[in-house]
Amino acid sequence: MRRLSIRGGTFTDIADGQENPLGDTVNVIIVDAAPVSRSYFGAQFDPNKSTAPVCWSDDTQRPSPKVSQENVQARRCMDCTQNVRGSGEHGGRACRFQQRLAVVFEGDLEEVYQLQIPASSIFGRAQGGNMGMQEYARHLSSHDTSVIAVVTNITFDKDSVVPKLYFKPMRPIEKGDGLKIAEMVVHEDTKRAITSFVPVTSEPSPFGKVEGGFDINAN
């Protein structure tokens, strides 16, 4: 699985055991997204490794039924001590909201990358033309535009002490790229990219996602 790491405020292309720093901004097309979930990794958490969480929630409300009983932290997420501010690093929560995106670079539409974004990048408030993921999705929707129809610029909030991403539209995709992007929406690599250790459900995502992926016939 190809990944885009955001460690240290830099995008890094990780593929085949090799790491290639890309800088603090990238232009991509978002071809799919998993619903927002949450995961608690305990003391074993390492954002640079694919480690299975100790406890997780598919709907951000209750632990998944697939979590073993000895690892369940609470019956409801709202009652969990791992969901209290200060239980994690930098005063945050130990159980973290997250969302996995499947993206392709505008110059290489056949290679899918997994980009996992944290809560601050999902729910962050807009600043000028820079938006958090949910605000960005609403912005595109208000202009009757599908996220797969535009090149998205992703950059870091340089004032944040933890990695925080901003999203903004750059331009429509090239006229000849629509068919290839539509193919990548349903590609197996895209499905793998949005499939976390937390099972993906059909709950609505910020994109108004339908079962199986984006509605590629949307405006």
N, C-alpha and C. Protein backbone atom coordinates (compact mmCIF):
# COMPACT_ATOMS: atom_id res chain seq x y z
N MET A 1 0.83 -1.19 0.00
CA MET A 1 0.00 0.00 0.00
C MET A 1 0.87 1.25 0.00
N ARG A 2 0.69 2.08 -0.99
CA ARG A 2 1.39 3.36 -1.02
C ARG A 2 0.72 4.30 -0.02
N ARG A 3 1.54 5.06 0.71
CA ARG A 3 1.00 5.98 1.71
C ARG A 3 1.62 7.35 1.56
N LEU A 4 0.86 8.35 2.00
CA LEU A 4 1.38 9.70 2.17
C LEU A 4 1.46 9.96 3.66
N SER A 5 2.66 10.06 4.17
CA SER A 5 2.86 10.37 5.58
C SER A 5 2.85 11.89 5.77
N ILE A 6 2.37 12.33 6.95
CA ILE A 6 2.39 13.76 7.26
C ILE A 6 3.27 14.04 8.48
N ARG A 7 4.11 13.12 8.81
CA ARG A 7 5.01 13.28 9.95
C ARG A 7 5.92 14.48 9.77
N GLY A 8 6.03 15.26 10.84
CA GLY A 8 6.97 16.37 10.83
C GLY A 8 6.59 17.54 9.95
N GLY A 9 5.32 17.62 9.58
CA GLY A 9 4.89 18.74 8.74
C GLY A 9 5.38 18.67 7.31
N THR A 10 5.67 17.43 6.86
CA THR A 10 6.13 17.22 5.49
C THR A 10 5.41 16.02 4.89
N PHE A 11 4.96 16.15 3.67
CA PHE A 11 4.40 15.00 2.97
C PHE A 11 5.54 14.10 2.51
N THR A 12 5.39 12.81 2.80
CA THR A 12 6.40 11.85 2.38
C THR A 12 5.73 10.69 1.66
N ASP A 13 6.18 10.43 0.46
CA ASP A 13 5.71 9.31 -0.34
C ASP A 13 6.39 8.05 0.18
N ILE A 14 5.59 7.11 0.69
CA ILE A 14 6.13 5.86 1.21
C ILE A 14 5.62 4.72 0.34
N ALA A 15 6.53 4.05 -0.35
CA ALA A 15 6.15 2.95 -1.24
C ALA A 15 7.32 1.99 -1.38
N ASP A 16 7.01 0.71 -1.33
CA ASP A 16 8.03 -0.33 -1.52
C ASP A 16 9.22 -0.16 -0.57
N GLY A 17 8.94 0.28 0.65
CA GLY A 17 10.01 0.44 1.63
C GLY A 17 10.85 1.67 1.46
N GLN A 18 10.54 2.49 0.47
CA GLN A 18 11.31 3.70 0.21
C GLN A 18 10.50 4.93 0.64
N GLU A 19 11.21 5.96 1.13
CA GLU A 19 10.56 7.20 1.53
C GLU A 19 11.09 8.35 0.69
N ASN A 20 10.16 9.14 0.16
CA ASN A 20 10.53 10.25 -0.72
C ASN A 20 9.83 11.52 -0.23
N PRO A 21 10.54 12.43 0.43
CA PRO A 21 9.93 13.67 0.91
C PRO A 21 9.43 14.51 -0.27
N LEU A 22 8.22 15.07 -0.11
CA LEU A 22 7.60 15.84 -1.18
C LEU A 22 7.42 17.31 -0.85
N GLY A 23 7.72 17.70 0.38
CA GLY A 23 7.53 19.09 0.77
C GLY A 23 6.27 19.28 1.59
N ASP A 24 5.84 20.53 1.73
CA ASP A 24 4.72 20.82 2.62
C ASP A 24 3.41 21.08 1.89
N THR A 25 3.36 20.75 0.60
CA THR A 25 2.11 20.91 -0.15
C THR A 25 2.09 19.91 -1.30
N VAL A 26 0.90 19.39 -1.60
CA VAL A 26 0.73 18.46 -2.73
C VAL A 26 -0.57 18.80 -3.45
N ASN A 27 -0.62 18.46 -4.73
CA ASN A 27 -1.83 18.57 -5.52
C ASN A 27 -2.30 17.16 -5.89
N VAL A 28 -3.52 16.80 -5.51
CA VAL A 28 -4.03 15.46 -5.72
C VAL A 28 -5.49 15.52 -6.16
N ILE A 29 -5.99 14.36 -6.58
CA ILE A 29 -7.43 14.18 -6.76
C ILE A 29 -7.87 13.15 -5.72
N ILE A 30 -8.86 13.51 -4.91
CA ILE A 30 -9.39 12.60 -3.90
C ILE A 30 -10.42 11.70 -4.57
N VAL A 31 -10.13 10.39 -4.64
CA VAL A 31 -11.01 9.48 -5.37
C VAL A 31 -11.97 8.71 -4.46
N ASP A 32 -11.74 8.71 -3.16
CA ASP A 32 -12.69 8.11 -2.24
C ASP A 32 -12.26 8.43 -0.81
N ALA A 33 -13.15 8.15 0.12
CA ALA A 33 -12.87 8.41 1.53
C ALA A 33 -13.67 7.46 2.40
N ALA A 34 -13.05 7.00 3.47
CA ALA A 34 -13.76 6.20 4.46
C ALA A 34 -14.58 7.14 5.35
N PRO A 35 -15.62 6.63 5.99
CA PRO A 35 -16.33 7.44 6.98
C PRO A 35 -15.39 7.80 8.13
N VAL A 36 -15.72 8.85 8.84
CA VAL A 36 -14.95 9.22 10.04
C VAL A 36 -15.11 8.11 11.06
N SER A 37 -14.00 7.70 11.64
CA SER A 37 -14.01 6.66 12.67
C SER A 37 -13.16 7.15 13.83
N ARG A 38 -12.97 6.30 14.82
CA ARG A 38 -12.05 6.66 15.90
C ARG A 38 -11.36 5.40 16.39
N SER A 39 -10.13 5.58 16.84
CA SER A 39 -9.31 4.45 17.25
C SER A 39 -8.46 4.80 18.46
N TYR A 40 -8.29 3.81 19.32
CA TYR A 40 -7.40 3.93 20.47
C TYR A 40 -6.31 2.88 20.33
N PHE A 41 -5.06 3.34 20.27
CA PHE A 41 -3.94 2.44 20.04
C PHE A 41 -3.16 2.11 21.30
N GLY A 42 -3.47 2.78 22.41
CA GLY A 42 -2.75 2.51 23.65
C GLY A 42 -1.30 2.93 23.55
N ALA A 43 -0.47 2.32 24.37
CA ALA A 43 0.95 2.69 24.42
C ALA A 43 1.70 2.26 23.17
N GLN A 44 1.09 1.40 22.36
CA GLN A 44 1.77 0.88 21.18
C GLN A 44 1.62 1.80 19.97
N PHE A 45 0.88 2.90 20.12
CA PHE A 45 0.59 3.74 18.96
C PHE A 45 1.86 4.32 18.35
N ASP A 46 2.00 4.15 17.05
CA ASP A 46 3.09 4.75 16.29
C ASP A 46 2.49 5.18 14.95
N PRO A 47 2.35 6.49 14.71
CA PRO A 47 1.71 6.96 13.49
C PRO A 47 2.44 6.59 12.22
N ASN A 48 3.67 6.09 12.34
CA ASN A 48 4.46 5.74 11.17
C ASN A 48 4.44 4.25 10.85
N LYS A 49 3.66 3.48 11.63
CA LYS A 49 3.56 2.06 11.40
C LYS A 49 2.09 1.65 11.29
N SER A 50 1.85 0.62 10.50
CA SER A 50 0.49 0.10 10.36
C SER A 50 0.21 -0.84 11.52
N THR A 51 -0.25 -0.28 12.62
CA THR A 51 -0.50 -1.04 13.84
C THR A 51 -1.99 -1.12 14.09
N ALA A 52 -2.47 -2.31 14.40
CA ALA A 52 -3.89 -2.47 14.69
C ALA A 52 -4.25 -1.77 15.99
N PRO A 53 -5.39 -1.09 16.04
CA PRO A 53 -5.79 -0.42 17.28
C PRO A 53 -6.21 -1.41 18.35
N VAL A 54 -6.17 -0.96 19.60
CA VAL A 54 -6.63 -1.78 20.73
C VAL A 54 -8.16 -1.79 20.75
N CYS A 55 -8.75 -0.62 20.59
CA CYS A 55 -10.19 -0.46 20.60
C CYS A 55 -10.56 0.54 19.51
N TRP A 56 -11.70 0.36 18.87
CA TRP A 56 -12.09 1.28 17.81
C TRP A 56 -13.60 1.33 17.68
N SER A 57 -14.05 2.37 17.00
CA SER A 57 -15.48 2.56 16.77
C SER A 57 -15.73 2.86 15.30
N ASP A 58 -16.66 2.13 14.71
CA ASP A 58 -17.02 2.36 13.31
C ASP A 58 -17.88 3.60 13.14
N ASP A 59 -18.68 3.91 14.16
CA ASP A 59 -19.64 5.01 14.05
C ASP A 59 -19.35 6.16 15.01
N THR A 60 -18.22 6.08 15.71
CA THR A 60 -17.76 7.08 16.70
C THR A 60 -18.68 7.16 17.91
N GLN A 61 -19.56 6.17 18.08
CA GLN A 61 -20.50 6.18 19.20
C GLN A 61 -20.27 5.02 20.17
N ARG A 62 -20.01 3.85 19.63
CA ARG A 62 -19.81 2.65 20.45
C ARG A 62 -18.67 1.81 19.87
N PRO A 63 -18.00 1.02 20.72
CA PRO A 63 -16.93 0.17 20.20
C PRO A 63 -17.47 -0.81 19.16
N SER A 64 -16.65 -1.11 18.19
CA SER A 64 -17.03 -2.09 17.19
C SER A 64 -17.25 -3.45 17.85
N PRO A 65 -18.24 -4.22 17.40
CA PRO A 65 -18.44 -5.57 17.93
C PRO A 65 -17.25 -6.49 17.68
N LYS A 66 -16.34 -6.08 16.81
CA LYS A 66 -15.17 -6.90 16.52
C LYS A 66 -14.04 -6.67 17.52
N VAL A 67 -14.18 -5.68 18.39
CA VAL A 67 -13.18 -5.46 19.44
C VAL A 67 -13.34 -6.54 20.50
N SER A 68 -12.25 -7.19 20.88
CA SER A 68 -12.33 -8.22 21.91
C SER A 68 -12.77 -7.60 23.24
N GLN A 69 -13.50 -8.36 24.03
CA GLN A 69 -14.06 -7.84 25.26
C GLN A 69 -12.99 -7.33 26.22
N GLU A 70 -11.84 -7.96 26.24
CA GLU A 70 -10.78 -7.51 27.15
C GLU A 70 -10.19 -6.17 26.73
N ASN A 71 -10.40 -5.79 25.46
CA ASN A 71 -9.86 -4.52 24.97
C ASN A 71 -10.87 -3.39 24.91
N VAL A 72 -12.14 -3.70 25.10
CA VAL A 72 -13.17 -2.66 25.08
C VAL A 72 -12.91 -1.69 26.23
N GLN A 73 -12.81 -0.40 25.91
CA GLN A 73 -12.49 0.61 26.91
C GLN A 73 -13.72 1.14 27.64
N ALA A 74 -14.88 1.09 26.98
CA ALA A 74 -16.13 1.54 27.59
C ALA A 74 -17.27 1.07 26.69
N ARG A 75 -18.48 1.03 27.25
CA ARG A 75 -19.62 0.59 26.44
C ARG A 75 -20.04 1.66 25.45
N ARG A 76 -19.84 2.92 25.81
CA ARG A 76 -20.15 4.03 24.91
C ARG A 76 -18.94 4.94 24.81
N CYS A 77 -18.68 5.46 23.62
CA CYS A 77 -17.53 6.34 23.45
C CYS A 77 -17.64 7.59 24.31
N MET A 78 -18.84 8.10 24.50
CA MET A 78 -19.01 9.32 25.28
C MET A 78 -18.65 9.12 26.76
N ASP A 79 -18.64 7.87 27.23
CA ASP A 79 -18.31 7.59 28.62
C ASP A 79 -16.87 7.13 28.82
N CYS A 80 -16.13 7.03 27.74
CA CYS A 80 -14.79 6.43 27.80
C CYS A 80 -13.76 7.41 28.33
N THR A 81 -12.89 6.93 29.20
CA THR A 81 -11.82 7.77 29.74
C THR A 81 -10.79 8.12 28.67
N GLN A 82 -10.72 7.33 27.60
CA GLN A 82 -9.80 7.64 26.51
C GLN A 82 -10.35 8.75 25.60
N ASN A 83 -11.60 9.14 25.87
CA ASN A 83 -12.25 10.20 25.09
C ASN A 83 -12.27 11.52 25.86
N VAL A 84 -11.45 11.63 26.88
CA VAL A 84 -11.39 12.84 27.70
C VAL A 84 -10.19 13.66 27.25
N ARG A 85 -10.40 14.96 27.10
CA ARG A 85 -9.28 15.83 26.75
C ARG A 85 -8.18 15.73 27.80
N GLY A 86 -6.95 15.60 27.34
CA GLY A 86 -5.83 15.43 28.24
C GLY A 86 -5.39 14.00 28.38
N SER A 87 -6.20 13.06 27.89
CA SER A 87 -5.81 11.65 27.98
C SER A 87 -4.77 11.28 26.93
N GLY A 88 -4.61 12.15 25.91
CA GLY A 88 -3.62 11.91 24.88
C GLY A 88 -2.56 12.99 24.83
N GLU A 89 -1.76 12.98 23.79
CA GLU A 89 -0.67 13.95 23.64
C GLU A 89 -1.21 15.34 23.34
N HIS A 90 -0.43 16.34 23.74
CA HIS A 90 -0.74 17.75 23.46
C HIS A 90 -2.12 18.15 23.97
N GLY A 91 -2.56 17.51 25.05
CA GLY A 91 -3.84 17.86 25.64
C GLY A 91 -5.04 17.31 24.91
N GLY A 92 -4.80 16.48 23.90
CA GLY A 92 -5.90 15.91 23.12
C GLY A 92 -6.44 14.63 23.74
N ARG A 93 -7.22 13.92 22.95
CA ARG A 93 -7.82 12.67 23.39
C ARG A 93 -6.97 11.49 22.95
N ALA A 94 -6.86 10.48 23.82
CA ALA A 94 -6.10 9.28 23.47
C ALA A 94 -6.80 8.49 22.37
N CYS A 95 -8.15 8.53 22.38
CA CYS A 95 -8.92 7.90 21.31
C CYS A 95 -9.16 8.97 20.25
N ARG A 96 -8.66 8.75 19.08
CA ARG A 96 -8.58 9.81 18.08
C ARG A 96 -9.55 9.61 16.92
N PHE A 97 -10.17 10.71 16.52
CA PHE A 97 -10.92 10.71 15.28
C PHE A 97 -9.92 10.63 14.13
N GLN A 98 -10.33 9.98 13.07
CA GLN A 98 -9.47 9.89 11.91
C GLN A 98 -10.32 9.60 10.68
N GLN A 99 -9.73 9.84 9.54
CA GLN A 99 -10.39 9.51 8.28
C GLN A 99 -9.33 9.17 7.27
N ARG A 100 -9.56 8.14 6.50
CA ARG A 100 -8.61 7.73 5.49
C ARG A 100 -9.12 8.13 4.11
N LEU A 101 -8.25 8.77 3.36
CA LEU A 101 -8.56 9.20 2.01
C LEU A 101 -7.75 8.37 1.02
N ALA A 102 -8.33 8.15 -0.15
CA ALA A 102 -7.61 7.55 -1.26
C ALA A 102 -7.37 8.67 -2.27
N VAL A 103 -6.12 8.92 -2.58
CA VAL A 103 -5.78 10.04 -3.48
C VAL A 103 -4.86 9.56 -4.59
N VAL A 104 -4.91 10.27 -5.71
CA VAL A 104 -3.96 10.06 -6.80
C VAL A 104 -3.35 11.41 -7.14
N PHE A 105 -2.13 11.41 -7.59
CA PHE A 105 -1.48 12.64 -8.00
C PHE A 105 -1.95 13.01 -9.41
N GLU A 106 -2.08 14.30 -9.66
CA GLU A 106 -2.60 14.74 -10.94
C GLU A 106 -1.75 14.29 -12.11
N GLY A 107 -0.47 14.03 -11.90
CA GLY A 107 0.39 13.58 -12.98
C GLY A 107 0.55 12.08 -13.07
N ASP A 108 -0.12 11.33 -12.16
CA ASP A 108 0.01 9.87 -12.13
C ASP A 108 -1.28 9.30 -11.56
N LEU A 109 -2.28 9.15 -12.41
CA LEU A 109 -3.63 8.80 -11.96
C LEU A 109 -3.79 7.32 -11.61
N GLU A 110 -2.81 6.49 -11.90
CA GLU A 110 -2.97 5.05 -11.70
C GLU A 110 -2.36 4.55 -10.39
N GLU A 111 -1.69 5.41 -9.65
CA GLU A 111 -1.08 5.01 -8.38
C GLU A 111 -1.88 5.63 -7.24
N VAL A 112 -2.54 4.79 -6.46
CA VAL A 112 -3.38 5.25 -5.36
C VAL A 112 -2.57 5.31 -4.07
N TYR A 113 -2.74 6.40 -3.34
CA TYR A 113 -2.07 6.58 -2.06
C TYR A 113 -3.11 6.69 -0.95
N GLN A 114 -2.76 6.12 0.17
CA GLN A 114 -3.60 6.25 1.37
C GLN A 114 -3.08 7.44 2.18
N LEU A 115 -3.99 8.35 2.51
CA LEU A 115 -3.66 9.49 3.35
C LEU A 115 -4.59 9.49 4.54
N GLN A 116 -4.04 9.30 5.73
CA GLN A 116 -4.85 9.31 6.94
C GLN A 116 -4.77 10.69 7.57
N ILE A 117 -5.93 11.30 7.81
CA ILE A 117 -5.96 12.65 8.35
C ILE A 117 -6.54 12.63 9.75
N PRO A 118 -5.99 13.44 10.66
CA PRO A 118 -6.44 13.49 12.05
C PRO A 118 -7.64 14.42 12.22
N ALA A 119 -8.16 14.45 13.44
CA ALA A 119 -9.37 15.22 13.74
C ALA A 119 -9.23 16.69 13.37
N SER A 120 -8.07 17.29 13.66
CA SER A 120 -7.88 18.71 13.38
C SER A 120 -7.99 19.01 11.89
N SER A 121 -7.69 18.02 11.05
CA SER A 121 -7.78 18.20 9.60
C SER A 121 -9.18 17.90 9.08
N ILE A 122 -9.96 17.18 9.86
CA ILE A 122 -11.34 16.85 9.45
C ILE A 122 -12.29 17.98 9.80
N PHE A 123 -12.20 18.45 11.05
CA PHE A 123 -13.18 19.39 11.57
C PHE A 123 -12.68 20.83 11.64
N GLY A 124 -11.45 21.08 11.22
CA GLY A 124 -10.86 22.41 11.35
C GLY A 124 -11.66 23.50 10.66
N ARG A 125 -11.64 24.69 11.23
CA ARG A 125 -12.35 25.83 10.65
C ARG A 125 -11.59 26.40 9.46
N ALA A 126 -12.35 26.96 8.54
CA ALA A 126 -11.75 27.57 7.35
C ALA A 126 -11.03 28.85 7.70
N GLN A 127 -9.90 29.06 7.04
CA GLN A 127 -9.14 30.31 7.17
C GLN A 127 -8.83 30.79 5.75
N GLY A 128 -9.58 31.81 5.33
CA GLY A 128 -9.43 32.26 3.96
C GLY A 128 -9.91 31.17 3.01
N GLY A 129 -9.07 30.82 2.06
CA GLY A 129 -9.42 29.75 1.12
C GLY A 129 -9.03 28.38 1.60
N ASN A 130 -8.43 28.27 2.79
CA ASN A 130 -8.01 26.99 3.35
C ASN A 130 -9.09 26.41 4.25
N MET A 131 -9.40 25.13 4.06
CA MET A 131 -10.51 24.52 4.78
C MET A 131 -10.13 23.15 5.33
N GLY A 132 -10.80 22.77 6.44
CA GLY A 132 -10.74 21.40 6.91
C GLY A 132 -11.52 20.52 5.94
N MET A 133 -11.39 19.20 6.07
CA MET A 133 -11.98 18.29 5.10
C MET A 133 -13.49 18.42 5.00
N GLN A 134 -14.18 18.48 6.13
CA GLN A 134 -15.64 18.57 6.08
C GLN A 134 -16.09 19.90 5.50
N GLU A 135 -15.42 20.98 5.88
CA GLU A 135 -15.77 22.29 5.34
C GLU A 135 -15.49 22.32 3.83
N TYR A 136 -14.42 21.69 3.42
CA TYR A 136 -14.07 21.63 2.00
C TYR A 136 -15.15 20.88 1.21
N ALA A 137 -15.60 19.75 1.75
CA ALA A 137 -16.65 18.98 1.09
C ALA A 137 -17.93 19.80 0.96
N ARG A 138 -18.27 20.53 2.02
CA ARG A 138 -19.47 21.38 1.96
C ARG A 138 -19.30 22.50 0.93
N HIS A 139 -18.11 23.04 0.87
CA HIS A 139 -17.83 24.11 -0.09
C HIS A 139 -18.04 23.61 -1.53
N LEU A 140 -17.50 22.45 -1.83
CA LEU A 140 -17.66 21.90 -3.18
C LEU A 140 -19.13 21.59 -3.47
N SER A 141 -19.81 21.01 -2.47
CA SER A 141 -21.22 20.69 -2.66
C SER A 141 -22.05 21.93 -2.93
N SER A 142 -21.73 23.02 -2.27
CA SER A 142 -22.49 24.26 -2.47
C SER A 142 -22.30 24.81 -3.88
N HIS A 143 -21.24 24.37 -4.56
CA HIS A 143 -21.00 24.78 -5.93
C HIS A 143 -21.30 23.65 -6.92
N ASP A 144 -22.10 22.66 -6.45
CA ASP A 144 -22.50 21.53 -7.30
C ASP A 144 -21.30 20.86 -7.96
N THR A 145 -20.25 20.68 -7.19
CA THR A 145 -19.02 20.10 -7.72
C THR A 145 -18.64 18.85 -6.92
N SER A 146 -18.29 17.80 -7.62
CA SER A 146 -17.82 16.58 -6.99
C SER A 146 -16.33 16.69 -6.68
N VAL A 147 -15.92 16.11 -5.56
CA VAL A 147 -14.51 16.19 -5.17
C VAL A 147 -13.61 15.50 -6.19
N ILE A 148 -14.13 14.53 -6.94
CA ILE A 148 -13.30 13.84 -7.93
C ILE A 148 -13.16 14.66 -9.22
N ALA A 149 -13.86 15.77 -9.29
CA ALA A 149 -13.83 16.59 -10.50
C ALA A 149 -12.83 17.73 -10.42
N VAL A 150 -12.13 17.85 -9.29
CA VAL A 150 -11.20 18.96 -9.11
C VAL A 150 -9.85 18.46 -8.61
N VAL A 151 -8.83 19.22 -8.93
CA VAL A 151 -7.51 19.02 -8.33
C VAL A 151 -7.52 19.74 -6.99
N THR A 152 -7.18 19.01 -5.94
CA THR A 152 -7.20 19.55 -4.58
C THR A 152 -5.79 19.83 -4.09
N ASN A 153 -5.58 21.02 -3.61
CA ASN A 153 -4.31 21.34 -2.98
C ASN A 153 -4.42 21.06 -1.48
N ILE A 154 -3.46 20.31 -0.95
CA ILE A 154 -3.41 20.01 0.48
C ILE A 154 -2.11 20.58 1.03
N THR A 155 -2.23 21.35 2.08
CA THR A 155 -1.05 21.98 2.67
C THR A 155 -1.17 21.95 4.19
N PHE A 156 -0.08 22.26 4.88
CA PHE A 156 -0.05 22.24 6.33
C PHE A 156 -0.38 23.60 6.91
N ASP A 157 -1.04 23.58 8.06
CA ASP A 157 -1.22 24.79 8.86
C ASP A 157 0.09 25.01 9.61
N LYS A 158 0.83 26.01 9.21
CA LYS A 158 2.16 26.24 9.78
C LYS A 158 2.10 26.75 11.22
N ASP A 159 0.92 27.19 11.67
CA ASP A 159 0.78 27.70 13.03
C ASP A 159 0.37 26.63 14.02
N SER A 160 0.11 25.41 13.53
CA SER A 160 -0.34 24.33 14.41
C SER A 160 0.86 23.56 14.97
N VAL A 161 0.79 23.19 16.26
CA VAL A 161 1.88 22.45 16.89
C VAL A 161 1.84 20.97 16.53
N VAL A 162 0.72 20.51 16.01
CA VAL A 162 0.59 19.14 15.54
C VAL A 162 0.23 19.18 14.06
N PRO A 163 0.54 18.13 13.30
CA PRO A 163 0.20 18.14 11.87
C PRO A 163 -1.28 18.39 11.63
N LYS A 164 -1.58 19.44 10.89
CA LYS A 164 -2.95 19.82 10.58
C LYS A 164 -2.99 20.25 9.12
N LEU A 165 -3.93 19.68 8.38
CA LEU A 165 -3.98 19.91 6.95
C LEU A 165 -5.12 20.84 6.55
N TYR A 166 -4.87 21.59 5.50
CA TYR A 166 -5.88 22.42 4.87
C TYR A 166 -6.11 21.94 3.43
N PHE A 167 -7.34 22.10 2.98
CA PHE A 167 -7.72 21.68 1.63
C PHE A 167 -8.32 22.86 0.88
N LYS A 168 -8.01 22.94 -0.42
CA LYS A 168 -8.66 23.96 -1.24
C LYS A 168 -8.63 23.51 -2.70
N PRO A 169 -9.63 23.91 -3.48
CA PRO A 169 -9.66 23.53 -4.89
C PRO A 169 -8.69 24.38 -5.70
N MET A 170 -8.03 23.73 -6.65
CA MET A 170 -7.09 24.44 -7.51
C MET A 170 -7.69 24.72 -8.89
N ARG A 171 -8.23 23.66 -9.51
CA ARG A 171 -8.78 23.78 -10.86
C ARG A 171 -9.53 22.49 -11.20
N PRO A 172 -10.36 22.54 -12.22
CA PRO A 172 -11.01 21.30 -12.68
C PRO A 172 -9.97 20.32 -13.20
N ILE A 173 -10.28 19.03 -13.14
CA ILE A 173 -9.39 18.03 -13.71
C ILE A 173 -9.30 18.24 -15.23
N GLU A 174 -8.25 17.72 -15.83
CA GLU A 174 -8.11 17.82 -17.28
C GLU A 174 -9.25 17.06 -17.97
N LYS A 175 -9.70 17.56 -19.09
CA LYS A 175 -10.85 16.98 -19.78
C LYS A 175 -10.65 15.50 -20.08
N GLY A 176 -9.43 15.13 -20.42
CA GLY A 176 -9.18 13.74 -20.79
C GLY A 176 -8.98 12.80 -19.62
N ASP A 177 -9.02 13.31 -18.40
CA ASP A 177 -8.72 12.48 -17.22
C ASP A 177 -9.97 11.90 -16.56
N GLY A 178 -11.15 12.35 -16.96
CA GLY A 178 -12.37 11.93 -16.27
C GLY A 178 -12.60 10.43 -16.28
N LEU A 179 -12.39 9.77 -17.41
CA LEU A 179 -12.63 8.33 -17.50
C LEU A 179 -11.67 7.57 -16.62
N LYS A 180 -10.38 7.93 -16.65
CA LYS A 180 -9.39 7.23 -15.82
C LYS A 180 -9.70 7.42 -14.33
N ILE A 181 -10.08 8.62 -13.94
CA ILE A 181 -10.41 8.87 -12.53
C ILE A 181 -11.63 8.06 -12.12
N ALA A 182 -12.62 7.98 -13.00
CA ALA A 182 -13.81 7.16 -12.71
C ALA A 182 -13.42 5.70 -12.52
N GLU A 183 -12.45 5.22 -13.29
CA GLU A 183 -11.96 3.84 -13.13
C GLU A 183 -11.29 3.67 -11.78
N MET A 184 -10.53 4.68 -11.36
CA MET A 184 -9.80 4.57 -10.10
C MET A 184 -10.74 4.62 -8.89
N VAL A 185 -11.89 5.26 -9.04
CA VAL A 185 -12.87 5.31 -7.94
C VAL A 185 -13.26 3.90 -7.50
N VAL A 186 -13.39 2.98 -8.45
CA VAL A 186 -13.84 1.62 -8.13
C VAL A 186 -12.69 0.61 -8.16
N HIS A 187 -11.47 1.10 -8.26
CA HIS A 187 -10.30 0.22 -8.33
C HIS A 187 -10.05 -0.46 -6.98
N GLU A 188 -9.50 -1.67 -7.02
CA GLU A 188 -9.21 -2.40 -5.78
C GLU A 188 -8.21 -1.66 -4.91
N ASP A 189 -7.26 -0.96 -5.50
CA ASP A 189 -6.29 -0.20 -4.71
C ASP A 189 -6.97 0.91 -3.93
N THR A 190 -7.99 1.51 -4.52
CA THR A 190 -8.75 2.56 -3.83
C THR A 190 -9.50 1.96 -2.65
N LYS A 191 -10.11 0.82 -2.85
CA LYS A 191 -10.84 0.17 -1.76
C LYS A 191 -9.89 -0.16 -0.62
N ARG A 192 -8.70 -0.64 -0.95
CA ARG A 192 -7.73 -0.97 0.10
C ARG A 192 -7.26 0.29 0.83
N ALA A 193 -7.12 1.37 0.09
CA ALA A 193 -6.61 2.60 0.69
C ALA A 193 -7.55 3.16 1.75
N ILE A 194 -8.84 2.98 1.58
CA ILE A 194 -9.79 3.53 2.57
C ILE A 194 -10.19 2.50 3.61
N THR A 195 -9.71 1.27 3.44
CA THR A 195 -10.05 0.22 4.41
C THR A 195 -9.00 0.20 5.50
N SER A 196 -9.41 0.64 6.68
CA SER A 196 -8.52 0.68 7.83
C SER A 196 -8.58 -0.64 8.56
N PHE A 197 -7.81 -0.75 9.64
CA PHE A 197 -8.00 -1.83 10.58
C PHE A 197 -9.38 -1.70 11.22
N VAL A 198 -9.90 -0.48 11.23
CA VAL A 198 -11.28 -0.25 11.64
C VAL A 198 -12.14 -0.54 10.42
N PRO A 199 -13.05 -1.51 10.48
CA PRO A 199 -13.84 -1.85 9.29
C PRO A 199 -14.63 -0.66 8.78
N VAL A 200 -14.62 -0.48 7.47
CA VAL A 200 -15.35 0.61 6.83
C VAL A 200 -16.83 0.25 6.78
N THR A 201 -17.68 1.20 7.12
CA THR A 201 -19.12 0.98 7.08
C THR A 201 -19.73 1.85 6.00
N SER A 202 -21.04 1.75 5.84
CA SER A 202 -21.73 2.54 4.82
C SER A 202 -22.32 3.81 5.42
N GLU A 203 -21.88 4.19 6.63
CA GLU A 203 -22.36 5.43 7.23
C GLU A 203 -21.96 6.62 6.37
N PRO A 204 -22.78 7.65 6.31
CA PRO A 204 -22.46 8.80 5.44
C PRO A 204 -21.16 9.45 5.85
N SER A 205 -20.36 9.82 4.86
CA SER A 205 -19.13 10.56 5.09
C SER A 205 -19.38 12.02 4.77
N PRO A 206 -18.41 12.91 4.97
CA PRO A 206 -18.61 14.31 4.64
C PRO A 206 -18.94 14.55 3.18
N PHE A 207 -18.69 13.55 2.30
CA PHE A 207 -18.92 13.73 0.88
C PHE A 207 -20.32 13.32 0.46
N GLY A 208 -21.16 12.84 1.39
CA GLY A 208 -22.42 12.27 0.98
C GLY A 208 -22.15 10.96 0.25
N LYS A 209 -21.22 10.19 0.76
CA LYS A 209 -20.74 8.97 0.12
C LYS A 209 -21.85 7.93 0.07
N VAL A 210 -21.92 7.22 -1.04
CA VAL A 210 -22.88 6.14 -1.17
C VAL A 210 -22.15 4.82 -1.01
N GLU A 211 -22.90 3.76 -0.79
CA GLU A 211 -22.29 2.44 -0.62
C GLU A 211 -21.42 2.12 -1.82
N GLY A 212 -20.15 1.80 -1.55
CA GLY A 212 -19.23 1.42 -2.61
C GLY A 212 -18.37 2.56 -3.12
N GLY A 213 -18.62 3.78 -2.73
CA GLY A 213 -17.76 4.86 -3.17
C GLY A 213 -18.52 6.13 -3.48
N PHE A 214 -17.83 7.09 -4.08
CA PHE A 214 -18.46 8.32 -4.48
C PHE A 214 -19.49 8.06 -5.56
N ASP A 215 -20.49 8.90 -5.63
CA ASP A 215 -21.40 8.88 -6.76
C ASP A 215 -20.72 9.63 -7.87
N ILE A 216 -20.10 8.90 -8.80
CA ILE A 216 -19.29 9.53 -9.83
C ILE A 216 -20.15 10.23 -10.88
N ASN A 217 -21.45 10.05 -10.78
CA ASN A 217 -22.34 10.75 -11.72
C ASN A 217 -22.80 12.09 -11.16
N ALA A 218 -22.38 12.40 -9.92
CA ALA A 218 -22.76 13.67 -9.34
C ALA A 218 -22.07 14.80 -10.05
N ASN A 219 -22.59 16.02 -9.88
CA ASN A 219 -21.98 17.19 -10.52
C ASN A 219 -20.57 17.41 -10.00
